[in-house]
Protein backbone atom coordinates (compact mmCIF):
# COMPACT_ATOMS: atom_id res chain seq x y z
CA MET A 1 -0.09 0.30 9.29
CA LYS A 2 1.84 2.49 6.85
CA ARG A 3 4.05 5.04 8.59
CA GLN A 4 2.65 8.46 7.76
CA ARG A 5 4.81 11.41 6.70
CA ILE A 6 3.25 14.57 8.13
CA LEU A 7 4.62 17.78 6.61
CA VAL A 8 4.08 21.00 8.63
CA VAL A 9 4.43 24.14 6.52
CA GLY A 10 5.28 27.01 8.87
CA ALA A 11 6.21 27.03 12.55
CA GLY A 12 4.07 29.82 13.91
CA HIS A 13 1.39 29.33 16.55
CA VAL A 14 -0.40 26.66 14.49
CA GLY A 15 2.65 24.85 13.16
CA LEU A 16 4.55 24.68 16.45
CA TYR A 17 1.63 23.56 18.60
CA ALA A 18 0.37 21.06 16.02
CA ALA A 19 3.83 19.51 15.56
CA LEU A 20 4.42 19.42 19.32
CA HIS A 21 1.06 17.74 19.94
CA LEU A 22 1.51 15.22 17.13
CA SER A 23 5.02 14.26 18.22
CA ARG A 24 3.73 13.57 21.73
CA LYS A 25 0.53 11.73 20.79
CA LEU A 26 1.72 9.57 17.88
CA ARG A 27 4.20 6.72 18.16
CA SER A 28 7.33 6.87 16.02
CA ARG A 29 6.16 3.83 14.04
CA GLU A 30 2.89 5.62 13.25
CA ALA A 31 4.18 8.89 11.85
CA GLU A 32 7.16 11.10 11.11
CA VAL A 33 6.66 14.86 11.53
CA ILE A 34 8.68 17.23 9.31
CA VAL A 35 8.53 20.98 10.08
CA VAL A 36 9.66 23.51 7.47
CA ASP A 37 10.12 27.19 8.34
CA PRO A 38 12.55 29.92 7.20
CA GLN A 39 13.34 30.80 10.83
CA PRO A 40 14.80 28.43 13.45
CA HIS A 41 12.31 29.72 16.00
CA MET A 42 8.67 30.54 16.57
CA THR A 43 7.96 34.19 17.45
CA TYR A 44 5.36 34.73 20.16
CA GLN A 45 3.98 37.88 18.56
CA PRO A 46 1.95 39.18 21.55
CA PHE A 47 5.30 39.80 23.27
CA LEU A 48 6.80 41.86 20.41
CA PRO A 49 5.71 45.23 21.94
CA GLU A 50 7.26 44.30 25.30
CA ALA A 51 10.45 43.10 23.60
CA ALA A 52 10.64 46.35 21.62
CA ALA A 53 10.12 48.41 24.79
CA GLY A 54 12.82 46.50 26.67
CA ASN A 55 10.48 44.94 29.24
CA ILE A 56 11.67 41.47 28.28
CA SER A 57 14.69 40.22 26.38
CA PRO A 58 13.97 39.72 22.66
CA ARG A 59 15.37 36.18 22.87
CA HIS A 60 12.76 35.30 25.47
CA SER A 61 9.91 36.14 23.09
CA VAL A 62 10.96 33.44 20.63
CA VAL A 63 10.85 29.65 21.00
CA PRO A 64 13.72 27.60 19.48
CA LEU A 65 12.24 24.88 17.27
CA ARG A 66 14.99 22.32 17.74
CA ARG A 67 14.73 22.56 21.51
CA GLU A 68 10.94 22.16 21.65
CA LEU A 69 10.41 19.78 18.73
CA ARG A 70 13.06 17.19 19.48
CA ARG A 71 10.96 14.35 18.07
CA CYS A 72 10.40 16.16 14.78
CA THR A 73 12.62 16.71 11.76
CA ILE A 74 13.35 20.44 11.38
CA VAL A 75 14.15 21.88 7.95
CA THR A 76 15.28 25.50 7.92
CA GLY A 77 13.97 26.66 4.58
CA GLU A 78 10.85 27.68 2.72
CA VAL A 79 8.08 25.74 1.03
CA THR A 80 7.79 27.43 -2.36
CA ARG A 81 5.09 25.26 -3.95
CA ILE A 82 2.60 22.57 -2.97
CA ASP A 83 1.34 20.00 -5.50
CA HIS A 84 -1.22 18.18 -3.40
CA ALA A 85 -2.44 16.13 -6.33
CA ARG A 86 0.93 14.35 -6.18
CA ARG A 87 1.34 14.79 -2.39
CA VAL A 88 4.62 16.65 -2.94
CA ALA A 89 5.93 20.02 -1.69
CA MET A 90 8.91 21.89 -3.12
CA VAL A 91 11.27 22.91 -0.31
CA GLN A 92 14.02 25.50 -0.73
CA PRO A 93 16.60 25.15 2.10
CA VAL A 94 18.54 28.20 3.25
CA ILE A 95 21.53 26.89 1.28
CA GLY A 96 21.57 24.42 -1.57
CA PRO A 97 19.22 23.33 -4.32
CA ALA A 98 15.48 22.96 -3.88
CA ARG A 99 14.08 19.48 -3.42
CA GLU A 100 10.74 17.75 -3.46
CA GLU A 101 9.39 16.59 -0.11
CA PRO A 102 6.76 13.83 -0.34
CA TYR A 103 4.09 13.53 2.34
CA ASP A 104 0.92 11.71 3.30
CA GLN A 105 -0.63 14.47 5.44
CA ILE A 106 0.13 18.19 5.15
CA ILE A 107 -0.56 21.02 7.59
CA VAL A 108 -0.63 24.29 5.67
CA ALA A 109 0.16 27.03 8.20
CA PRO A 110 2.52 29.63 6.69
CA GLY A 111 0.60 32.34 8.56
CA SER A 112 0.15 35.85 7.25
CA VAL A 113 2.12 38.85 6.06
CA SER A 114 1.56 42.59 6.40
CA ARG A 115 -1.30 43.85 4.24
CA THR A 116 0.25 46.86 2.53
CA LEU A 117 -1.10 49.29 -0.07
CA PRO A 118 0.51 51.05 -3.07
CA ILE A 119 1.18 54.26 -1.16
CA PRO A 120 4.02 56.48 -2.45
CA GLY A 121 7.09 56.13 -0.24
CA LEU A 122 5.70 53.32 1.91
CA LYS A 123 8.12 50.66 0.68
CA GLU A 124 11.14 52.96 1.03
CA ASN A 125 10.39 54.67 4.35
CA ALA A 126 8.13 52.48 6.50
CA VAL A 127 8.74 49.38 8.59
CA GLY A 128 6.35 46.67 9.72
CA PHE A 129 5.87 45.27 13.20
CA LYS A 130 5.39 41.53 12.75
CA THR A 131 8.81 39.94 13.29
CA ILE A 132 11.35 39.99 16.09
CA GLY A 133 13.82 41.68 13.73
CA GLU A 134 11.39 44.54 13.13
CA ALA A 135 10.78 44.91 16.87
CA ILE A 136 14.52 45.09 17.66
CA TRP A 137 15.09 47.53 14.81
CA LEU A 138 12.26 49.80 15.98
CA ARG A 139 13.57 49.90 19.55
CA ASN A 140 17.09 50.81 18.41
CA HIS A 141 15.75 53.33 15.90
CA VAL A 142 13.55 55.18 18.41
CA LEU A 143 16.41 55.48 20.89
CA GLU A 144 18.75 56.57 18.11
CA GLN A 145 16.27 59.30 17.17
CA LEU A 146 16.47 60.64 20.72
CA ASP A 147 20.26 60.79 20.38
CA ILE A 148 19.96 62.63 17.07
CA ALA A 149 17.47 65.14 18.47
CA ALA A 150 19.63 65.79 21.53
CA ALA A 151 22.77 66.35 19.45
CA THR A 152 21.42 68.57 16.66
CA ALA A 153 20.98 72.33 16.72
CA ASP A 154 18.69 72.34 13.68
CA PRO A 155 14.99 72.65 14.66
CA HIS A 156 13.78 70.85 11.50
CA THR A 157 16.07 67.88 12.07
CA ARG A 158 14.92 67.68 15.68
CA ARG A 159 11.22 67.76 14.73
CA CYS A 160 11.70 65.01 12.15
CA ALA A 161 13.65 62.85 14.59
CA LEU A 162 11.03 63.22 17.33
CA THR A 163 7.97 62.55 15.13
CA PHE A 164 6.78 58.94 15.20
CA VAL A 165 3.87 57.79 13.01
CA PHE A 166 2.00 54.49 13.47
CA VAL A 167 -0.53 53.46 10.83
CA GLY A 168 -3.25 51.04 12.00
CA GLY A 169 -5.35 50.97 15.17
CA GLY A 170 -5.51 47.24 15.80
CA TYR A 171 -3.66 45.31 18.49
CA ALA A 172 -0.23 45.56 16.87
CA GLY A 173 -0.46 49.29 16.23
CA ILE A 174 -1.92 50.34 19.58
CA GLU A 175 0.37 48.16 21.70
CA ALA A 176 3.47 49.11 19.72
CA LEU A 177 2.61 52.81 19.87
CA ALA A 178 1.81 52.77 23.59
CA GLU A 179 4.83 50.70 24.61
CA MET A 180 7.31 52.70 22.51
CA GLU A 181 5.96 56.04 23.75
CA ASP A 182 6.19 54.74 27.30
CA MET A 183 9.80 53.65 26.74
CA ALA A 184 10.81 56.92 25.07
CA ARG A 185 9.22 59.00 27.83
CA ASP A 186 11.11 56.91 30.38
CA ALA A 187 14.37 57.43 28.45
CA LEU A 188 14.03 61.22 28.45
CA ARG A 189 15.24 61.39 32.05
CA TYR A 190 18.73 60.88 30.59
CA TYR A 191 18.30 63.60 27.96
CA PRO A 192 18.30 67.02 29.66
CA GLU A 193 18.20 68.64 26.20
CA LEU A 194 14.76 67.12 25.47
CA HIS A 195 11.30 67.37 27.01
CA PRO A 196 8.24 65.10 26.65
CA GLU A 197 6.33 67.79 24.76
CA ASP A 198 9.09 67.80 22.11
CA MET A 199 8.01 64.35 20.98
CA ARG A 200 5.09 63.86 18.60
CA TRP A 201 3.40 60.45 18.45
CA VAL A 202 0.74 60.08 15.75
CA LEU A 203 -1.70 57.22 15.23
CA VAL A 204 -3.44 57.06 11.82
CA GLU A 205 -6.52 54.81 11.62
CA ALA A 206 -8.76 54.59 8.54
CA THR A 207 -11.91 53.71 10.52
CA ARG A 208 -13.72 55.54 13.31
CA ARG A 209 -12.60 53.24 16.12
CA ILE A 210 -9.57 51.41 17.47
CA LEU A 211 -9.24 48.01 19.14
CA PRO A 212 -12.62 46.71 17.91
CA GLU A 213 -11.96 43.38 19.68
CA VAL A 214 -12.37 44.95 23.14
CA GLY A 215 -15.65 46.68 22.27
CA PRO A 216 -16.56 50.32 21.61
CA ASP A 217 -16.48 51.34 25.28
CA MET A 218 -12.95 50.09 25.86
CA GLY A 219 -11.85 51.46 22.50
CA ALA A 220 -13.13 54.92 23.43
CA TYR A 221 -11.42 54.63 26.82
CA THR A 222 -8.15 53.76 25.07
CA VAL A 223 -8.42 56.85 22.86
CA ARG A 224 -9.02 59.07 25.89
CA GLN A 225 -6.02 57.62 27.72
CA LEU A 226 -3.72 58.03 24.74
CA VAL A 227 -4.87 61.60 24.14
CA ARG A 228 -4.33 62.37 27.84
CA ARG A 229 -0.73 61.22 27.39
CA GLY A 230 -0.32 63.76 24.58
CA LEU A 231 -0.61 61.39 21.61
CA ASP A 232 -2.14 62.61 18.35
CA ILE A 233 -4.95 60.19 17.40
CA ARG A 234 -6.29 60.54 13.83
CA LEU A 235 -9.42 58.45 13.30
CA ASP A 236 -11.21 58.16 9.95
CA THR A 237 -7.93 59.21 8.35
CA ARG A 238 -5.73 57.50 5.75
CA LEU A 239 -2.06 57.74 4.92
CA GLU A 240 -1.87 59.01 1.33
CA SER A 241 1.89 59.43 0.91
CA CYS A 242 5.15 59.30 2.82
CA ALA A 243 7.57 59.90 -0.04
CA ASP A 244 10.88 61.44 1.06
CA GLY A 245 9.73 61.20 4.68
CA LEU A 246 6.92 63.73 4.19
CA VAL A 247 3.72 62.27 5.65
CA LYS A 248 0.53 63.34 3.88
CA LEU A 249 -2.82 62.44 5.41
CA SER A 250 -6.31 62.35 3.94
CA ASP A 251 -7.44 65.10 6.34
CA GLY A 252 -5.13 67.53 4.55
CA ASP A 253 -2.37 67.63 7.15
CA SER A 254 1.26 66.98 6.22
CA PHE A 255 4.49 66.88 8.22
CA ALA A 256 7.96 65.35 8.10
CA ALA A 257 8.76 62.20 10.10
CA ASP A 258 11.77 59.94 10.30
CA THR A 259 9.78 57.02 11.79
CA ILE A 260 6.79 55.40 10.06
CA VAL A 261 5.46 52.06 11.34
CA TRP A 262 2.87 50.16 9.28
CA THR A 263 0.53 47.91 11.29
CA ALA A 264 -2.63 48.18 9.19
CA GLY A 265 -3.72 44.56 9.07
CA VAL A 266 -2.50 41.28 7.62
CA LYS A 267 -3.31 39.04 4.66
CA ALA A 268 -2.81 35.35 3.91
CA HIS A 269 0.72 34.32 2.97
CA PRO A 270 1.37 34.75 -0.79
CA MET A 271 2.86 31.24 -0.94
CA LEU A 272 -0.69 29.89 -1.01
CA GLU A 273 -1.02 31.22 -4.56
CA ARG A 274 1.49 28.56 -5.62
CA THR A 275 -0.58 25.62 -4.44
CA ASP A 276 -3.44 23.60 -5.93
CA LEU A 277 -5.47 23.94 -2.72
CA PRO A 278 -8.85 25.72 -2.81
CA ARG A 279 -8.93 29.30 -1.50
CA ASP A 280 -11.58 31.94 -0.87
CA ASP A 281 -11.75 35.47 -2.28
CA ARG A 282 -9.36 36.70 0.44
CA GLY A 283 -6.69 34.14 -0.44
CA ARG A 284 -7.32 31.92 2.60
CA VAL A 285 -7.44 28.12 2.40
CA THR A 286 -11.06 26.98 2.72
CA CYS A 287 -11.66 24.57 5.58
CA ARG A 288 -14.34 22.68 7.41
CA ALA A 289 -14.79 23.05 11.14
CA THR A 290 -12.75 19.84 11.45
CA LEU A 291 -9.77 21.85 10.06
CA GLN A 292 -9.77 19.69 6.92
CA VAL A 293 -9.26 21.55 3.65
CA VAL A 294 -12.48 21.48 1.65
CA ASP A 295 -13.25 22.21 -1.99
CA GLY A 296 -16.93 23.07 -2.05
CA ASP A 297 -18.57 20.12 -0.31
CA ARG A 298 -15.66 17.76 -0.98
CA VAL A 299 -12.97 17.14 1.62
CA VAL A 300 -9.45 17.30 0.23
CA GLU A 301 -7.99 14.17 1.78
CA GLY A 302 -4.68 14.58 3.58
CA ALA A 303 -4.75 18.42 3.67
CA TRP A 304 -5.27 20.47 6.83
CA SER A 305 -5.04 24.15 7.68
CA ALA A 306 -5.71 26.63 10.50
CA GLY A 307 -4.75 30.06 11.79
CA ASP A 308 -4.34 33.31 9.87
CA CYS A 309 -4.13 31.67 6.45
CA ALA A 310 -7.30 29.56 6.81
CA ALA A 311 -11.02 30.31 6.55
CA VAL A 312 -12.34 28.19 9.45
CA PRO A 313 -16.09 28.35 10.22
CA ASP A 314 -16.93 29.72 13.65
CA LEU A 315 -19.61 27.36 14.94
CA THR A 316 -20.27 29.59 17.97
CA GLY A 317 -21.06 32.64 15.81
CA PRO A 318 -23.82 33.47 13.32
CA PRO A 319 -24.12 31.42 10.10
CA GLY A 320 -21.32 32.22 7.69
CA ALA A 321 -18.98 33.57 10.37
CA PHE A 322 -15.29 32.62 10.43
CA CYS A 323 -12.83 32.42 13.30
CA SER A 324 -10.81 35.60 13.78
CA PRO A 325 -7.06 35.52 13.01
CA SER A 326 -5.95 35.55 16.66
CA ALA A 327 -3.47 33.56 18.71
CA GLN A 328 -6.36 32.46 20.92
CA HIS A 329 -7.97 30.56 18.04
CA ALA A 330 -4.69 29.46 16.43
CA VAL A 331 -3.41 27.58 19.49
CA ARG A 332 -6.70 25.80 20.09
CA GLN A 333 -7.16 25.00 16.40
CA ALA A 334 -3.67 23.52 16.29
CA ARG A 335 -4.42 21.12 19.13
CA ARG A 336 -7.79 20.12 17.67
CA MET A 337 -6.20 19.59 14.25
CA ALA A 338 -3.44 17.41 15.72
CA ASP A 339 -6.05 15.29 17.51
CA ASN A 340 -8.04 14.99 14.29
CA ILE A 341 -5.00 13.91 12.28
CA ARG A 342 -4.25 11.28 14.90
CA ALA A 343 -7.88 10.14 14.75
CA VAL A 344 -7.83 9.83 10.95
CA ILE A 345 -4.55 7.91 11.00
CA ARG A 346 -6.06 5.48 13.51
CA GLY A 347 -9.27 5.10 11.52
CA ARG A 348 -11.58 7.34 13.55
CA GLU A 349 -13.69 10.36 12.59
CA PRO A 350 -12.40 13.93 13.15
CA VAL A 351 -14.16 16.28 15.58
CA GLU A 352 -15.29 19.81 14.75
CA TYR A 353 -13.45 22.76 16.27
CA ARG A 354 -15.70 24.84 18.51
CA HIS A 355 -14.52 27.63 20.78
CA ARG A 356 -16.38 30.73 21.90
CA TYR A 357 -14.08 33.73 21.79
CA ALA A 358 -13.12 34.45 25.40
CA GLY A 359 -12.29 38.10 24.88
CA SER A 360 -9.24 40.28 24.41
CA VAL A 361 -6.55 42.01 26.44
CA ALA A 362 -4.21 44.80 25.35
CA SER A 363 -1.29 46.57 26.98
CA LEU A 364 -1.01 50.36 26.82
CA GLY A 365 2.44 50.57 28.37
CA LEU A 366 3.80 49.79 31.81
CA HIS A 367 0.97 49.27 34.34
CA LYS A 368 -1.65 50.35 31.80
CA GLY A 369 -4.08 48.28 29.72
CA VAL A 370 -7.63 47.43 28.64
CA ALA A 371 -9.45 44.10 28.62
CA GLN A 372 -12.81 42.55 27.91
CA VAL A 373 -12.98 38.91 28.96
CA TYR A 374 -16.27 36.97 29.01
CA GLY A 375 -18.12 40.29 29.06
CA ILE A 376 -16.14 41.66 32.01
CA LYS A 377 -14.44 44.98 31.26
CA LEU A 378 -11.19 45.93 32.95
CA ARG A 379 -8.92 48.92 32.59
CA GLY A 380 -5.69 50.25 34.02
CA TRP A 381 -3.49 48.10 36.25
CA PRO A 382 -5.90 45.07 36.51
CA ALA A 383 -6.15 44.84 32.71
CA TRP A 384 -2.37 45.17 32.35
CA PHE A 385 -1.84 42.42 34.95
CA MET A 386 -4.34 40.17 33.16
CA HIS A 387 -2.57 40.82 29.85
CA ARG A 388 0.76 39.71 31.28
CA THR A 389 -0.68 36.72 33.14
CA TYR A 390 -2.58 35.42 30.12
CA HIS A 391 0.30 35.65 27.67
CA MET A 392 2.83 34.29 30.14
CA SER A 393 0.61 31.22 30.49
CA ARG A 394 0.32 30.84 26.70
CA ILE A 395 3.93 31.13 25.56
CA PRO A 396 5.22 27.59 24.90
CA SER A 397 7.63 25.78 27.23
CA LEU A 398 8.45 26.17 30.91
CA ASN A 399 11.87 27.49 29.89
CA ARG A 400 10.38 30.57 28.25
CA LYS A 401 7.80 31.10 30.99
CA VAL A 402 10.53 31.22 33.65
CA ARG A 403 12.73 33.57 31.62
CA VAL A 404 9.86 35.99 30.99
CA VAL A 405 8.85 36.02 34.67
CA VAL A 406 12.49 36.66 35.67
CA ASP A 407 12.66 39.60 33.23
CA TRP A 408 9.50 41.09 34.71
CA THR A 409 10.69 40.52 38.28
CA LEU A 410 14.05 42.22 37.67
CA ALA A 411 12.22 45.15 36.08
CA LEU A 412 10.49 45.77 39.43
CA PHE A 413 13.85 46.57 41.06
CA LEU A 414 16.08 47.73 38.20
CA LYS A 415 15.61 50.60 35.77
CA ARG A 416 14.75 49.88 32.16
CA GLU A 417 17.66 49.63 29.70
CA VAL A 418 17.36 52.50 27.22
CA VAL A 419 20.50 52.15 25.10
CA SER A 420 20.45 51.81 21.33
CA LEU A 421 22.43 48.96 19.75
CA GLY A 422 22.05 50.30 16.25
CA GLN A 423 25.34 48.76 15.10
CA LEU A 424 23.53 45.42 15.08
CA HIS A 425 21.93 46.43 11.78
CA GLU A 426 25.23 47.34 10.07
CA PRO A 427 27.79 45.05 11.74
CA ARG A 428 30.46 45.30 8.99
CA GLU A 429 30.41 49.07 8.58
CA SER A 430 33.13 49.94 11.15
CA PHE A 431 35.32 47.04 9.99
CA SER A 432 35.07 47.96 6.32
CA GLU A 433 35.99 51.59 7.07
CA VAL A 434 39.40 50.61 8.47
CA THR A 435 40.16 47.83 5.97
CA PRO A 436 42.24 49.09 3.02
CA ALA A 437 41.12 48.20 -0.47
CA VAL A 438 43.32 45.90 -2.55
CA PRO A 439 45.14 48.04 -5.14
CA ALA A 440 44.35 47.26 -8.76
CA ARG A 441 47.08 45.44 -10.70
CA SER A 442 48.73 47.29 -13.57
CA GLY A 443 50.75 46.08 -16.56
CA ARG A 444 50.76 42.67 -18.13
CA PRO A 445 49.79 39.69 -16.02
CA GLY A 446 52.88 37.90 -14.77
């Protein structure tokens, strides 16, 4: 049997779990698994709001690839192009020239990126909430804004510093908004100059509902809870401009804000445009339920995909339905895909992926949440507890599970850390200020 080279593009939920499963189920003489990702870790994105709020350490929400994938070859770099007709991918390492990486089987799982719009000022003034770096930056920024507001005597500066705008009412936006507001409110006990009513938290959602995954009842409950906490919820409203920090909304309102967070959806990774793989009108790789890439009715041999960047038929839904871009599907698709690749390598037929969506859980801050699981609706503390239990069980490796549980346990007895480490984002600034410049030489060179 020829030893197969399996190239995994991306180490998110799909890439990590697929590579882990393949490395455990295939013998070394059967296959070699190569994983390429720009980051040396996988980010467990459901924990980003808790990491930003300081409920868990940011390092505990990421999974080191080299620790978990010891039987795989890890390449820290980026796949810039895929020529499947030649079974070759172009890999650009973090340092050094690009090189071609041949393969026999390829798993295309670069994931997704933020779906942004050409809104004036968005690129210059907003930040996303999809990476661990963005979560750490947002935490430090919010706490820094409290320091600015407490130190200034100018009412306009204080209003700008204490106005926080989140665009998008999906999971990322609602959980980030709720967790950060909860953290900031908790931090105000150390700021006698500030009061909770001084802060303004605004959610801008273009549709008439939020959290559609938990159903209209739970979505309406979430709105009522957030409004009760004093948050400004703008449904059926769009962000039209944020140039120079001045937020302009489609309902005619405008105000200044120093914090704008964009969480209005995702789209397939733009790298897919530089491949010869078939894609749908939304840029996703077209797949069969077996997770094999398909061009019309023809299977593209040796190519597999799943997760956010793939259009995978949902066999449990109505005809023409596709699996939602959720971690719940991504993890299960990764395992099914790994089993199917093993089956194909050993001369067996692949099996179709079939999973009925179990439901959704969302955190609304400490001890607050909503959930709808198998038709059962929960709210408040039970939903929050289910949210934590479910995601703790899903984050890869016992190492990370233990660390997260320890963080949560310590938080029961110790107060939350509410200090900004803003110097992390400009580490050379203080050093460069005290380092004298080299004087320019004058006269003829000696």
